Structure formats: structure tokens, C-alpha cells
Amino acid sequence: MPSANRQKGFNLVELMAVLAITGIVIAVGVPQLNSTISRGNVSAEANRLMASINFARSQAVNKQQIVTLERKSLNPNDWTEGWTIYTDVGGEGNEGINLADGDVLLKDIVTDTSGLSLLADNEGNNWISFLPSGRLAEAGGVAIAVCNDDLNDGVIGSLLEVNLVGRVRRSAIAAADKAVRCIP
């Protein structure tokens, strides 16, 4: 028969065992969580840029005018600070927005890309312009790499390539290739 004075709860050994197991689970889980968050951030920013490129192309076809994405950063080939999308009424393409010339701002994209980089494949890619046919105005196409800043964490990046027809293709940047694509 059980005694009436028996206390319920954990003893010190049981409590220490639970704390040790909890510590191990946290030690294993936190790096995985950080990696998952980093992959999600890369994917979200690549999706945002891809949607903006597709939007600009569709607007060029719908409005039958040149539509341009212009990067905001003053650093060569760096799209990390965001971009603007506008119709180029003057019809030149591949130049900055000129509201006095009649250019119309369609979207102003502000990014919060702390811990990420968005880098074009060469310093000449300050703009991505689409002709009224939907074709790319830049000769040779455009490629922009979206990566997280930790080059050694094993998280893959995304490479967005716009071909001359104006279509965007997204592919993975292997962790081993991040140093080549993701450093200015």
C-alpha cells in the first residue's frame, strides 16, 4: 500500500537528465534553424526580383513602351538596395529615370536584405530594360546572383538569368560556387 506522505515531482537526477537532453536538442537544432531561415531569405528575395523582372516585361508588352528596372545602389553591379521600375517614354532604355522627359514610375522596390547580396554578373548591368516586344534591350542577357553573406554555411544561392527573349530562368548556385558569384 502506498504511503500517504509520498511527494510528487522530479528529483535532482531526473531534472539534470532533462536539462542535458534539452541542451543537446538545442545545440543540434539552432544551426539547422539558422540554415532554414537563411535559405528562406534567399528564396524570398530571388522570388521578389524575379516577380519584378516579369512585371517589367509584361508592362513593356502591355503599354508598348520600353520599361526599365534600375538598381538603386551606387556600387557597381549591386542590386541589394532595391530597384525602381518605370516606363521610358523617351524610348532610349538602359538609362536612369527622367521624370522631366515623361518617364513614369511604376514601382519603387525597397529591400531589407541584411545578410544577403544581389549582384549582377558585370558592372554594366545598372538597368534591365525590356522593349515593347518583351525582348531584353541588353546584348548578351543579364544574370543576377542572390546569396546569403556566409559563403561557408552550405546554403545554396539563386541565379536569375534573363535571356535575350526576355524570359527569366532561375537556377541554384552551388555552395562551392558562391565565392565566384556572390562576392563583388
C-alpha atoms as a PDB file:
ATOM      1  CA  MET A   1       0.000   0.000   0.000  1.00  0.00           C
ATOM      2  CA  PRO A   2       1.401   3.407  -0.989  1.00  0.00           C
ATOM      3  CA  SER A   3       2.295   5.789   1.775  1.00  0.00           C
ATOM      4  CA  ALA A   4       0.232   8.916   2.224  1.00  0.00           C
ATOM      5  CA  ASN A   5       3.301  11.178   2.609  1.00  0.00           C
ATOM      6  CA  ARG A   6       4.845  10.381  -0.762  1.00  0.00           C
ATOM      7  CA  GLN A   7       5.845  13.598  -2.636  1.00  0.00           C
ATOM      8  CA  LYS A   8       5.228  14.019  -6.339  1.00  0.00           C
ATOM      9  CA  GLY A   9       7.637  15.685  -8.771  1.00  0.00           C
ATOM     10  CA  PHE A  10      11.156  15.338 -10.161  1.00  0.00           C
ATOM     11  CA  ASN A  11      14.253  14.528  -8.200  1.00  0.00           C
ATOM     12  CA  LEU A  12      17.550  16.244  -8.971  1.00  0.00           C
ATOM     13  CA  VAL A  13      18.896  13.431 -11.182  1.00  0.00           C
ATOM     14  CA  GLU A  14      15.767  13.420 -13.373  1.00  0.00           C
ATOM     15  CA  LEU A  15      15.858  17.196 -13.702  1.00  0.00           C
ATOM     16  CA  MET A  16      19.535  17.159 -14.737  1.00  0.00           C
ATOM     17  CA  ALA A  17      18.843  14.471 -17.335  1.00  0.00           C
ATOM     18  CA  VAL A  18      16.011  16.534 -18.857  1.00  0.00           C
ATOM     19  CA  LEU A  19      18.218  19.651 -18.955  1.00  0.00           C
ATOM     20  CA  ALA A  20      21.063  17.719 -20.620  1.00  0.00           C
ATOM     21  CA  ILE A  21      18.739  16.324 -23.310  1.00  0.00           C
ATOM     22  CA  THR A  22      17.230  19.791 -23.870  1.00  0.00           C
ATOM     23  CA  GLY A  23      20.730  21.268 -24.276  1.00  0.00           C
ATOM     24  CA  ILE A  24      21.656  18.648 -26.871  1.00  0.00           C
ATOM     25  CA  VAL A  25      18.457  19.234 -28.842  1.00  0.00           C
ATOM     26  CA  ILE A  26      19.053  22.994 -28.830  1.00  0.00           C
ATOM     27  CA  ALA A  27      22.712  22.595 -29.848  1.00  0.00           C
ATOM     28  CA  VAL A  28      21.713  20.446 -32.827  1.00  0.00           C
ATOM     29  CA  GLY A  29      18.557  22.371 -33.774  1.00  0.00           C
ATOM     30  CA  VAL A  30      19.706  26.013 -33.746  1.00  0.00           C
ATOM     31  CA  PRO A  31      22.210  25.701 -36.638  1.00  0.00           C
ATOM     32  CA  GLN A  32      19.573  23.876 -38.680  1.00  0.00           C
ATOM     33  CA  LEU A  33      17.070  26.624 -37.889  1.00  0.00           C
ATOM     34  CA  ASN A  34      19.534  29.339 -38.948  1.00  0.00           C
ATOM     35  CA  SER A  35      20.227  27.486 -42.188  1.00  0.00           C
ATOM     36  CA  THR A  36      16.493  27.129 -42.874  1.00  0.00           C
ATOM     37  CA  ILE A  37      15.901  30.831 -42.230  1.00  0.00           C
ATOM     38  CA  SER A  38      18.819  31.760 -44.499  1.00  0.00           C
ATOM     39  CA  ARG A  39      17.508  29.539 -47.338  1.00  0.00           C
ATOM     40  CA  GLY A  40      14.074  31.127 -46.932  1.00  0.00           C
ATOM     41  CA  ASN A  41      15.522  34.653 -47.121  1.00  0.00           C
ATOM     42  CA  VAL A  42      17.480  33.842 -50.294  1.00  0.00           C
ATOM     43  CA  SER A  43      14.407  32.276 -51.877  1.00  0.00           C
ATOM     44  CA  ALA A  44      12.112  35.167 -50.917  1.00  0.00           C
ATOM     45  CA  GLU A  45      14.447  37.816 -52.330  1.00  0.00           C
ATOM     46  CA  ALA A  46      15.026  35.838 -55.538  1.00  0.00           C
ATOM     47  CA  ASN A  47      11.252  35.499 -55.920  1.00  0.00           C
ATOM     48  CA  ARG A  48      10.767  39.249 -55.385  1.00  0.00           C
ATOM     49  CA  LEU A  49      13.356  40.138 -58.020  1.00  0.00           C
ATOM     50  CA  MET A  50      12.005  37.546 -60.454  1.00  0.00           C
ATOM     51  CA  ALA A  51       8.464  38.902 -59.994  1.00  0.00           C
ATOM     52  CA  SER A  52       9.725  42.444 -60.641  1.00  0.00           C
ATOM     53  CA  ILE A  53      11.510  41.373 -63.826  1.00  0.00           C
ATOM     54  CA  ASN A  54       8.396  39.564 -65.071  1.00  0.00           C
ATOM     55  CA  PHE A  55       6.241  42.574 -64.145  1.00  0.00           C
ATOM     56  CA  ALA A  56       8.510  44.925 -66.114  1.00  0.00           C
ATOM     57  CA  ARG A  57       8.435  42.665 -69.155  1.00  0.00           C
ATOM     58  CA  SER A  58       4.641  42.362 -69.094  1.00  0.00           C
ATOM     59  CA  GLN A  59       4.264  46.132 -68.700  1.00  0.00           C
ATOM     60  CA  ALA A  60       6.535  46.714 -71.704  1.00  0.00           C
ATOM     61  CA  VAL A  61       4.319  44.478 -73.835  1.00  0.00           C
ATOM     62  CA  ASN A  62       1.027  45.844 -72.456  1.00  0.00           C
ATOM     63  CA  LYS A  63       1.997  49.520 -72.709  1.00  0.00           C
ATOM     64  CA  GLN A  64       4.017  49.064 -75.926  1.00  0.00           C
ATOM     65  CA  GLN A  65       6.831  51.117 -74.389  1.00  0.00           C
ATOM     66  CA  ILE A  66      10.299  50.410 -73.087  1.00  0.00           C
ATOM     67  CA  VAL A  67      10.129  49.510 -69.386  1.00  0.00           C
ATOM     68  CA  THR A  68      13.253  49.563 -67.258  1.00  0.00           C
ATOM     69  CA  LEU A  69      14.360  48.237 -63.866  1.00  0.00           C
ATOM     70  CA  GLU A  70      17.042  50.492 -62.399  1.00  0.00           C
ATOM     71  CA  ARG A  71      19.137  49.472 -59.417  1.00  0.00           C
ATOM     72  CA  LYS A  72      19.304  51.966 -56.544  1.00  0.00           C
ATOM     73  CA  SER A  73      22.801  51.210 -55.291  1.00  0.00           C
ATOM     74  CA  LEU A  74      25.699  53.416 -56.322  1.00  0.00           C
ATOM     75  CA  ASN A  75      28.006  50.382 -56.141  1.00  0.00           C
ATOM     76  CA  PRO A  76      28.685  48.726 -59.495  1.00  0.00           C
ATOM     77  CA  ASN A  77      26.533  45.621 -60.182  1.00  0.00           C
ATOM     78  CA  ASP A  78      24.910  45.737 -56.700  1.00  0.00           C
ATOM     79  CA  TRP A  79      21.105  45.356 -56.598  1.00  0.00           C
ATOM     80  CA  THR A  80      20.939  44.850 -52.811  1.00  0.00           C
ATOM     81  CA  GLU A  81      19.448  48.287 -52.029  1.00  0.00           C
ATOM     82  CA  GLY A  82      16.401  47.774 -54.242  1.00  0.00           C
ATOM     83  CA  TRP A  83      15.254  48.978 -57.645  1.00  0.00           C
ATOM     84  CA  THR A  84      12.700  51.103 -59.448  1.00  0.00           C
ATOM     85  CA  ILE A  85      10.542  50.088 -62.392  1.00  0.00           C
ATOM     86  CA  TYR A  86       9.458  52.778 -64.859  1.00  0.00           C
ATOM     87  CA  THR A  87       8.279  53.325 -68.404  1.00  0.00           C
ATOM     88  CA  ASP A  88      10.896  55.022 -70.533  1.00  0.00           C
ATOM     89  CA  VAL A  89       8.795  57.401 -72.583  1.00  0.00           C
ATOM     90  CA  GLY A  90      11.862  58.818 -74.334  1.00  0.00           C
ATOM     91  CA  GLY A  91      12.465  55.317 -75.660  1.00  0.00           C
ATOM     92  CA  GLU A  92      16.191  55.127 -75.009  1.00  0.00           C
ATOM     93  CA  GLY A  93      16.256  52.312 -72.440  1.00  0.00           C
ATOM     94  CA  ASN A  94      19.241  51.480 -70.254  1.00  0.00           C
ATOM     95  CA  GLU A  95      19.377  54.874 -68.617  1.00  0.00           C
ATOM     96  CA  GLY A  96      18.215  56.418 -65.370  1.00  0.00           C
ATOM     97  CA  ILE A  97      14.651  57.549 -64.826  1.00  0.00           C
ATOM     98  CA  ASN A  98      13.951  61.037 -66.155  1.00  0.00           C
ATOM     99  CA  LEU A  99      10.580  62.298 -64.920  1.00  0.00           C
ATOM    100  CA  ALA A 100      11.096  65.595 -66.771  1.00  0.00           C
ATOM    101  CA  ASP A 101      11.302  63.608 -70.021  1.00  0.00           C
ATOM    102  CA  GLY A 102       7.935  61.976 -69.246  1.00  0.00           C
ATOM    103  CA  ASP A 103       9.150  58.696 -67.722  1.00  0.00           C
ATOM    104  CA  VAL A 104       6.512  57.197 -65.415  1.00  0.00           C
ATOM    105  CA  LEU A 105       7.429  55.427 -62.178  1.00  0.00           C
ATOM    106  CA  LEU A 106       5.544  52.121 -61.948  1.00  0.00           C
ATOM    107  CA  LYS A 107       7.070  50.629 -58.796  1.00  0.00           C
ATOM    108  CA  ASP A 108       9.685  51.525 -56.229  1.00  0.00           C
ATOM    109  CA  ILE A 109      11.032  48.370 -54.578  1.00  0.00           C
ATOM    110  CA  VAL A 110      12.699  48.822 -51.212  1.00  0.00           C
ATOM    111  CA  THR A 111      14.534  45.785 -49.909  1.00  0.00           C
ATOM    112  CA  ASP A 112      15.617  44.718 -46.452  1.00  0.00           C
ATOM    113  CA  THR A 113      18.412  42.436 -47.481  1.00  0.00           C
ATOM    114  CA  SER A 114      20.580  42.363 -44.378  1.00  0.00           C
ATOM    115  CA  GLY A 115      22.714  39.264 -44.680  1.00  0.00           C
ATOM    116  CA  LEU A 116      22.078  38.927 -48.435  1.00  0.00           C
ATOM    117  CA  SER A 117      23.753  40.056 -51.628  1.00  0.00           C
ATOM    118  CA  LEU A 118      22.190  40.599 -55.056  1.00  0.00           C
ATOM    119  CA  LEU A 119      24.948  41.008 -57.615  1.00  0.00           C
ATOM    120  CA  ALA A 120      24.758  41.317 -61.396  1.00  0.00           C
ATOM    121  CA  ASP A 121      27.273  39.433 -63.498  1.00  0.00           C
ATOM    122  CA  ASN A 122      29.054  42.565 -64.716  1.00  0.00           C
ATOM    123  CA  GLU A 123      29.348  46.203 -63.780  1.00  0.00           C
ATOM    124  CA  GLY A 124      27.414  47.379 -66.815  1.00  0.00           C
ATOM    125  CA  ASN A 125      24.144  45.974 -65.545  1.00  0.00           C
ATOM    126  CA  ASN A 126      22.742  49.089 -63.918  1.00  0.00           C
ATOM    127  CA  TRP A 127      19.465  48.533 -65.747  1.00  0.00           C
ATOM    128  CA  ILE A 128      17.323  45.792 -67.156  1.00  0.00           C
ATOM    129  CA  SER A 129      15.236  47.197 -69.993  1.00  0.00           C
ATOM    130  CA  PHE A 130      12.512  45.472 -71.988  1.00  0.00           C
ATOM    131  CA  LEU A 131      11.448  46.518 -75.467  1.00  0.00           C
ATOM    132  CA  PRO A 132       7.745  46.723 -76.427  1.00  0.00           C
ATOM    133  CA  SER A 133       8.107  43.228 -77.898  1.00  0.00           C
ATOM    134  CA  GLY A 134       9.094  41.891 -74.455  1.00  0.00           C
ATOM    135  CA  ARG A 135      12.664  41.271 -75.595  1.00  0.00           C
ATOM    136  CA  LEU A 136      15.626  42.311 -73.479  1.00  0.00           C
ATOM    137  CA  ALA A 137      17.376  45.510 -74.594  1.00  0.00           C
ATOM    138  CA  GLU A 138      20.770  44.420 -73.190  1.00  0.00           C
ATOM    139  CA  ALA A 139      23.010  42.467 -75.520  1.00  0.00           C
ATOM    140  CA  GLY A 140      24.061  39.125 -74.105  1.00  0.00           C
ATOM    141  CA  GLY A 141      21.462  38.857 -71.356  1.00  0.00           C
ATOM    142  CA  VAL A 142      21.659  39.588 -67.647  1.00  0.00           C
ATOM    143  CA  ALA A 143      22.431  37.379 -64.664  1.00  0.00           C
ATOM    144  CA  ILE A 144      21.924  38.325 -61.008  1.00  0.00           C
ATOM    145  CA  ALA A 145      23.079  36.130 -58.126  1.00  0.00           C
ATOM    146  CA  VAL A 146      21.090  36.153 -54.872  1.00  0.00           C
ATOM    147  CA  CYS A 147      23.143  34.769 -51.965  1.00  0.00           C
ATOM    148  CA  ASN A 148      23.450  34.986 -48.231  1.00  0.00           C
ATOM    149  CA  ASP A 149      26.618  36.600 -46.889  1.00  0.00           C
ATOM    150  CA  ASP A 150      28.048  33.485 -45.217  1.00  0.00           C
ATOM    151  CA  LEU A 151      29.905  31.788 -48.045  1.00  0.00           C
ATOM    152  CA  ASN A 152      30.824  28.739 -45.969  1.00  0.00           C
ATOM    153  CA  ASP A 153      27.469  27.720 -44.490  1.00  0.00           C
ATOM    154  CA  GLY A 154      26.451  25.338 -47.271  1.00  0.00           C
ATOM    155  CA  VAL A 155      23.299  27.313 -48.170  1.00  0.00           C
ATOM    156  CA  ILE A 156      22.871  27.483 -51.921  1.00  0.00           C
ATOM    157  CA  GLY A 157      22.103  30.732 -53.696  1.00  0.00           C
ATOM    158  CA  SER A 158      19.803  31.525 -56.616  1.00  0.00           C
ATOM    159  CA  LEU A 159      20.918  32.698 -60.035  1.00  0.00           C
ATOM    160  CA  LEU A 160      18.379  34.640 -62.089  1.00  0.00           C
ATOM    161  CA  GLU A 161      19.233  34.787 -65.780  1.00  0.00           C
ATOM    162  CA  VAL A 162      17.290  36.948 -68.222  1.00  0.00           C
ATOM    163  CA  ASN A 163      17.831  35.809 -71.800  1.00  0.00           C
ATOM    164  CA  LEU A 164      17.534  37.951 -74.929  1.00  0.00           C
ATOM    165  CA  VAL A 165      13.922  36.879 -75.442  1.00  0.00           C
ATOM    166  CA  GLY A 166      13.168  38.369 -72.013  1.00  0.00           C
ATOM    167  CA  ARG A 167      12.439  35.175 -70.096  1.00  0.00           C
ATOM    168  CA  VAL A 168      13.796  34.674 -66.597  1.00  0.00           C
ATOM    169  CA  ARG A 169      15.347  31.366 -65.615  1.00  0.00           C
ATOM    170  CA  ARG A 170      16.140  30.559 -62.005  1.00  0.00           C
ATOM    171  CA  SER A 171      18.815  28.039 -61.088  1.00  0.00           C
ATOM    172  CA  ALA A 172      20.724  27.096 -57.964  1.00  0.00           C
ATOM    173  CA  ILE A 173      24.195  28.338 -57.188  1.00  0.00           C
ATOM    174  CA  ALA A 174      26.057  25.502 -55.531  1.00  0.00           C
ATOM    175  CA  ALA A 175      27.693  26.326 -52.215  1.00  0.00           C
ATOM    176  CA  ALA A 176      31.103  25.753 -53.821  1.00  0.00           C
ATOM    177  CA  ASP A 177      30.366  28.410 -56.498  1.00  0.00           C
ATOM    178  CA  LYS A 178      29.128  31.088 -54.089  1.00  0.00           C
ATOM    179  CA  ALA A 179      32.578  32.631 -53.735  1.00  0.00           C
ATOM    180  CA  VAL A 180      32.709  33.236 -57.506  1.00  0.00           C
ATOM    181  CA  ARG A 181      29.158  34.562 -57.991  1.00  0.00           C
ATOM    182  CA  CYS A 182      28.410  36.286 -54.690  1.00  0.00           C
ATOM    183  CA  ILE A 183      31.433  38.456 -53.909  1.00  0.00           C
ATOM    184  CA  PRO A 184      31.616  41.885 -55.523  1.00  0.00           C
END
